[in-house]
Amino acid sequence: MNNLNRYYNELYSEKVTLNSLASNILVAGYQEIKYYKSSNAIVCEAIYNQDEEEIVYKYTFVDEYLISLERICNNEVKILYSRSVEIEKLKKKLSGHLQKLA
């Protein structure tokens, strides 16, 4: 996929839906799926057990678009996805391509 298509997808695609996350409860290892509101966002926390260790996947949505995904394990937070970071990366790539064409 070229950078322009990727940029468009970052701006407008859902990535994952709230409904699809709910069905994860049927997957082995998932113990709980919970949703709550936080300011203007909907947050989904999917709690997963792996080798006796609890992992929380925290999905944050605004207007039903995934904004960020975090993995929380042993009080350590790792950002797996940030829509704004991905958009900025692609803007820089596209800007570089435009400068080469000028």
C-alpha atoms as a PDB file:
ATOM      1  CA  MET A   1       0.000   0.000   0.000  1.00  0.00           C
ATOM      2  CA  ASN A   2       1.467   3.366  -0.912  1.00  0.00           C
ATOM      3  CA  ASN A   3       1.901   6.192   1.611  1.00  0.00           C
ATOM      4  CA  LEU A   4      -1.061   8.197   0.311  1.00  0.00           C
ATOM      5  CA  ASN A   5      -3.400   5.225   0.775  1.00  0.00           C
ATOM      6  CA  ARG A   6      -1.928   4.546   4.224  1.00  0.00           C
ATOM      7  CA  TYR A   7      -2.448   8.204   5.157  1.00  0.00           C
ATOM      8  CA  TYR A   8      -6.079   8.063   4.021  1.00  0.00           C
ATOM      9  CA  ASN A   9      -6.607   4.850   6.018  1.00  0.00           C
ATOM     10  CA  GLU A  10      -5.104   6.409   9.140  1.00  0.00           C
ATOM     11  CA  LEU A  11      -7.478   9.338   8.822  1.00  0.00           C
ATOM     12  CA  TYR A  12     -10.674   7.454   8.024  1.00  0.00           C
ATOM     13  CA  SER A  13     -10.535   3.719   8.768  1.00  0.00           C
ATOM     14  CA  GLU A  14     -11.904   2.201  11.954  1.00  0.00           C
ATOM     15  CA  LYS A  15      -8.995  -0.270  12.405  1.00  0.00           C
ATOM     16  CA  VAL A  16     -11.056  -2.325  14.858  1.00  0.00           C
ATOM     17  CA  THR A  17     -14.647  -1.963  16.015  1.00  0.00           C
ATOM     18  CA  LEU A  18     -16.159  -1.935  19.469  1.00  0.00           C
ATOM     19  CA  ASN A  19     -18.334  -4.909  18.480  1.00  0.00           C
ATOM     20  CA  SER A  20     -15.398  -6.987  17.296  1.00  0.00           C
ATOM     21  CA  LEU A  21     -13.632  -6.451  20.620  1.00  0.00           C
ATOM     22  CA  ALA A  22     -16.655  -7.760  22.507  1.00  0.00           C
ATOM     23  CA  SER A  23     -16.402 -11.071  20.674  1.00  0.00           C
ATOM     24  CA  ASN A  24     -12.872 -11.567  22.063  1.00  0.00           C
ATOM     25  CA  ILE A  25     -14.468 -12.841  25.266  1.00  0.00           C
ATOM     26  CA  LEU A  26     -15.008 -16.113  23.386  1.00  0.00           C
ATOM     27  CA  VAL A  27     -11.273 -16.484  22.694  1.00  0.00           C
ATOM     28  CA  ALA A  28      -9.302 -18.648  25.111  1.00  0.00           C
ATOM     29  CA  GLY A  29      -7.322 -16.594  27.588  1.00  0.00           C
ATOM     30  CA  TYR A  30      -9.620 -13.579  27.682  1.00  0.00           C
ATOM     31  CA  GLN A  31     -11.167 -13.199  31.136  1.00  0.00           C
ATOM     32  CA  GLU A  32     -13.068  -9.948  30.875  1.00  0.00           C
ATOM     33  CA  ILE A  33     -14.012  -7.251  28.389  1.00  0.00           C
ATOM     34  CA  LYS A  34     -15.261  -3.987  29.827  1.00  0.00           C
ATOM     35  CA  TYR A  35     -16.304  -0.659  28.368  1.00  0.00           C
ATOM     36  CA  TYR A  36     -16.556   2.764  29.951  1.00  0.00           C
ATOM     37  CA  LYS A  37     -16.682   6.446  29.042  1.00  0.00           C
ATOM     38  CA  SER A  38     -13.777   8.775  29.690  1.00  0.00           C
ATOM     39  CA  SER A  39     -14.386  12.414  28.703  1.00  0.00           C
ATOM     40  CA  ASN A  40     -15.288  12.264  25.000  1.00  0.00           C
ATOM     41  CA  ALA A  41     -13.849   8.773  24.517  1.00  0.00           C
ATOM     42  CA  ILE A  42     -15.040   5.201  24.883  1.00  0.00           C
ATOM     43  CA  VAL A  43     -12.480   2.906  26.471  1.00  0.00           C
ATOM     44  CA  CYS A  44     -12.422  -0.863  26.127  1.00  0.00           C
ATOM     45  CA  GLU A  45     -10.234  -2.913  28.437  1.00  0.00           C
ATOM     46  CA  ALA A  46      -9.678  -6.509  27.386  1.00  0.00           C
ATOM     47  CA  ILE A  47      -8.161  -8.549  30.195  1.00  0.00           C
ATOM     48  CA  TYR A  48      -6.144 -11.509  29.031  1.00  0.00           C
ATOM     49  CA  ASN A  49      -4.292 -14.164  31.034  1.00  0.00           C
ATOM     50  CA  GLN A  50      -1.085 -15.538  29.585  1.00  0.00           C
ATOM     51  CA  ASP A  51       1.100 -17.923  31.579  1.00  0.00           C
ATOM     52  CA  GLU A  52      -0.538 -16.860  34.868  1.00  0.00           C
ATOM     53  CA  GLU A  53       0.152 -13.200  34.025  1.00  0.00           C
ATOM     54  CA  GLU A  54      -2.650 -10.659  33.573  1.00  0.00           C
ATOM     55  CA  ILE A  55      -2.347  -8.423  30.529  1.00  0.00           C
ATOM     56  CA  VAL A  56      -4.726  -5.535  29.916  1.00  0.00           C
ATOM     57  CA  TYR A  57      -5.208  -4.272  26.380  1.00  0.00           C
ATOM     58  CA  LYS A  58      -6.673  -0.777  26.582  1.00  0.00           C
ATOM     59  CA  TYR A  59      -8.374   0.497  23.420  1.00  0.00           C
ATOM     60  CA  THR A  60      -9.453   4.149  23.260  1.00  0.00           C
ATOM     61  CA  PHE A  61     -12.039   5.260  20.712  1.00  0.00           C
ATOM     62  CA  VAL A  62     -13.321   8.680  19.705  1.00  0.00           C
ATOM     63  CA  ASP A  63     -16.328   8.771  17.391  1.00  0.00           C
ATOM     64  CA  GLU A  64     -15.949   4.989  17.001  1.00  0.00           C
ATOM     65  CA  TYR A  65     -12.399   5.362  15.600  1.00  0.00           C
ATOM     66  CA  LEU A  66      -9.523   3.683  17.375  1.00  0.00           C
ATOM     67  CA  ILE A  67      -7.236   6.417  18.685  1.00  0.00           C
ATOM     68  CA  SER A  68      -4.806   4.354  20.739  1.00  0.00           C
ATOM     69  CA  LEU A  69      -4.009   0.873  21.946  1.00  0.00           C
ATOM     70  CA  GLU A  70      -1.954   0.207  25.059  1.00  0.00           C
ATOM     71  CA  ARG A  71      -0.667  -3.006  26.615  1.00  0.00           C
ATOM     72  CA  ILE A  72      -0.454  -2.955  30.405  1.00  0.00           C
ATOM     73  CA  CYS A  73       1.411  -5.745  32.168  1.00  0.00           C
ATOM     74  CA  ASN A  74       3.035  -5.630  35.613  1.00  0.00           C
ATOM     75  CA  ASN A  75       2.262  -1.883  35.803  1.00  0.00           C
ATOM     76  CA  GLU A  76       4.296  -1.333  32.640  1.00  0.00           C
ATOM     77  CA  VAL A  77       2.460   0.499  29.858  1.00  0.00           C
ATOM     78  CA  LYS A  78       3.504  -0.026  26.255  1.00  0.00           C
ATOM     79  CA  ILE A  79       1.830   1.946  23.469  1.00  0.00           C
ATOM     80  CA  LEU A  80       1.110  -0.461  20.633  1.00  0.00           C
ATOM     81  CA  TYR A  81      -0.738   1.998  18.408  1.00  0.00           C
ATOM     82  CA  SER A  82      -1.355   5.750  18.324  1.00  0.00           C
ATOM     83  CA  ARG A  83      -3.346   7.143  15.420  1.00  0.00           C
ATOM     84  CA  SER A  84      -1.865  10.632  15.840  1.00  0.00           C
ATOM     85  CA  VAL A  85       1.717   9.291  15.797  1.00  0.00           C
ATOM     86  CA  GLU A  86       1.039   7.227  12.671  1.00  0.00           C
ATOM     87  CA  ILE A  87      -0.560  10.219  10.928  1.00  0.00           C
ATOM     88  CA  GLU A  88       2.436  12.420  11.739  1.00  0.00           C
ATOM     89  CA  LYS A  89       4.885   9.792  10.436  1.00  0.00           C
ATOM     90  CA  LEU A  90       2.975   9.557   7.168  1.00  0.00           C
ATOM     91  CA  LYS A  91       2.709  13.351   6.842  1.00  0.00           C
ATOM     92  CA  LYS A  92       6.502  13.564   7.056  1.00  0.00           C
ATOM     93  CA  LYS A  93       6.950  10.832   4.438  1.00  0.00           C
ATOM     94  CA  LEU A  94       4.463  12.484   2.084  1.00  0.00           C
ATOM     95  CA  SER A  95       6.048  15.888   2.619  1.00  0.00           C
ATOM     96  CA  GLY A  96       9.446  14.405   1.741  1.00  0.00           C
ATOM     97  CA  HIS A  97       8.040  12.918  -1.469  1.00  0.00           C
ATOM     98  CA  LEU A  98       6.486  16.260  -2.423  1.00  0.00           C
ATOM     99  CA  GLN A  99       9.782  18.079  -1.863  1.00  0.00           C
ATOM    100  CA  LYS A 100      11.546  15.613  -4.155  1.00  0.00           C
ATOM    101  CA  LEU A 101       8.977  16.311  -6.874  1.00  0.00           C
ATOM    102  CA  ALA A 102       9.319  20.099  -6.570  1.00  0.00           C
END
